[in-house]
Amino acid sequence: MSRVNLESAQNNIERVTTNLNELQQILSSKKDEVSTKINEISGVLSTYFKQADELNQLIAQEEEKKNTNTAELDQLNQKLQELDHNKDVFQSEISSRQKDIQ
């Protein structure tokens, strides 16, 4: 090979090497950017799941309160029905005794 061809080949190799180094730096920089974004997203997701867990616990507590309140309301309704029945019985007895008195 001639000296000119060798120099040209050497220059080409140096350009390719330079381009590869630049590409490696760009890829390394992009990798760092992607890693940073992944860490940010992981933090956001972690916060989201923590908040979702807390909300689920609150919902479960409220469901339990609702069930307790419903049971208490059912008991109170039953007592109210018993009182209404007793009132009707007493009113009937009062009416009957009033008729007896007259």
Protein backbone atom coordinates (compact mmCIF):
# COMPACT_ATOMS: atom_id res chain seq x y z
CA MET A 1 0.00 0.00 0.00
CA SER A 2 1.16 3.47 -0.65
CA ARG A 3 1.95 5.90 2.07
CA VAL A 4 -1.04 8.08 1.07
CA ASN A 5 -3.39 5.11 1.34
CA LEU A 6 -1.99 4.21 4.76
CA GLU A 7 -2.39 7.78 6.00
CA SER A 8 -5.92 7.90 4.60
CA ALA A 9 -6.77 4.58 6.26
CA GLN A 10 -5.22 5.79 9.52
CA ASN A 11 -7.24 9.04 9.33
CA ASN A 12 -10.40 7.01 8.66
CA ILE A 13 -9.66 4.79 11.64
CA GLU A 14 -9.08 7.85 13.85
CA ARG A 15 -12.38 9.41 12.68
CA VAL A 16 -14.22 6.16 13.32
CA THR A 17 -12.58 5.90 16.75
CA THR A 18 -13.52 9.51 17.53
CA ASN A 19 -17.08 8.91 16.35
CA LEU A 20 -17.30 5.75 18.45
CA ASN A 21 -16.03 7.63 21.52
CA GLU A 22 -18.57 10.42 20.95
CA LEU A 23 -21.32 7.86 20.47
CA GLN A 24 -20.24 6.08 23.65
CA GLN A 25 -20.40 9.39 25.57
CA ILE A 26 -23.85 10.17 24.14
CA LEU A 27 -25.14 6.70 25.00
CA SER A 28 -23.68 6.94 28.50
CA SER A 29 -25.36 10.32 28.98
CA LYS A 30 -28.69 8.97 27.70
CA LYS A 31 -28.33 5.95 29.98
CA ASP A 32 -27.87 8.30 32.94
CA GLU A 33 -30.93 10.33 31.86
CA VAL A 34 -33.01 7.16 31.55
CA SER A 35 -31.80 5.94 34.96
CA THR A 36 -32.73 9.28 36.51
CA LYS A 37 -36.20 9.17 34.94
CA ILE A 38 -36.69 5.57 36.09
CA ASN A 39 -35.74 6.59 39.64
CA GLU A 40 -38.18 9.51 39.50
CA ILE A 41 -40.96 7.27 38.20
CA SER A 42 -40.17 4.67 40.86
CA GLY A 43 -40.48 7.34 43.54
CA VAL A 44 -43.80 8.54 42.14
CA LEU A 45 -45.12 4.98 41.90
CA SER A 46 -43.95 4.21 45.42
CA THR A 47 -45.78 7.27 46.72
CA TYR A 48 -48.87 6.37 44.70
CA PHE A 49 -48.98 2.82 46.05
CA LYS A 50 -48.41 4.04 49.61
CA GLN A 51 -51.29 6.50 49.27
CA ALA A 52 -53.47 3.85 47.63
CA ASP A 53 -52.74 1.53 50.57
CA GLU A 54 -53.68 4.25 53.04
CA LEU A 55 -56.90 4.97 51.14
CA ASN A 56 -57.77 1.28 51.05
CA GLN A 57 -57.29 1.09 54.82
CA LEU A 58 -59.52 4.14 55.31
CA ILE A 59 -62.15 2.65 53.02
CA ALA A 60 -62.05 -0.62 54.97
CA GLN A 61 -62.43 1.29 58.26
CA GLU A 62 -65.37 3.27 56.89
CA GLU A 63 -66.98 0.06 55.60
CA GLU A 64 -66.64 -1.45 59.06
CA LYS A 65 -68.19 1.67 60.63
CA LYS A 66 -71.00 1.54 58.09
CA ASN A 67 -71.67 -2.12 58.90
CA THR A 68 -71.67 -1.36 62.62
CA ASN A 69 -73.99 1.61 62.13
CA THR A 70 -76.30 -0.48 59.95
CA ALA A 71 -76.49 -3.18 62.62
CA GLU A 72 -77.22 -0.57 65.30
CA LEU A 73 -79.85 1.04 63.09
CA ASP A 74 -81.50 -2.35 62.56
CA GLN A 75 -81.59 -2.90 66.33
CA LEU A 76 -83.07 0.55 66.90
CA ASN A 77 -85.69 -0.05 64.20
CA GLN A 78 -86.63 -3.33 65.87
CA LYS A 79 -86.98 -1.57 69.24
CA LEU A 80 -89.07 1.14 67.58
CA GLN A 81 -91.37 -1.49 66.10
CA GLU A 82 -91.70 -3.10 69.53
CA LEU A 83 -92.51 0.27 71.09
CA ASP A 84 -95.06 1.02 68.36
CA HIS A 85 -96.65 -2.37 68.97
CA ASN A 86 -96.74 -1.78 72.74
CA LYS A 87 -98.24 1.67 72.15
CA ASP A 88 -100.96 0.15 69.98
CA VAL A 89 -101.66 -2.51 72.62
CA PHE A 90 -101.86 0.10 75.39
CA GLN A 91 -104.10 2.35 73.31
CA SER A 92 -106.37 -0.58 72.63
CA GLU A 93 -106.51 -1.41 76.34
CA ILE A 94 -107.20 2.23 77.21
CA SER A 95 -110.00 2.40 74.64
CA SER A 96 -111.45 -0.85 75.95
CA ARG A 97 -111.38 0.35 79.57
CA GLN A 98 -112.88 3.69 78.61
CA LYS A 99 -115.77 1.85 76.99
CA ASP A 100 -116.14 -0.24 80.13
CA ILE A 101 -116.23 2.91 82.24
CA GLN A 102 -118.92 4.51 80.10
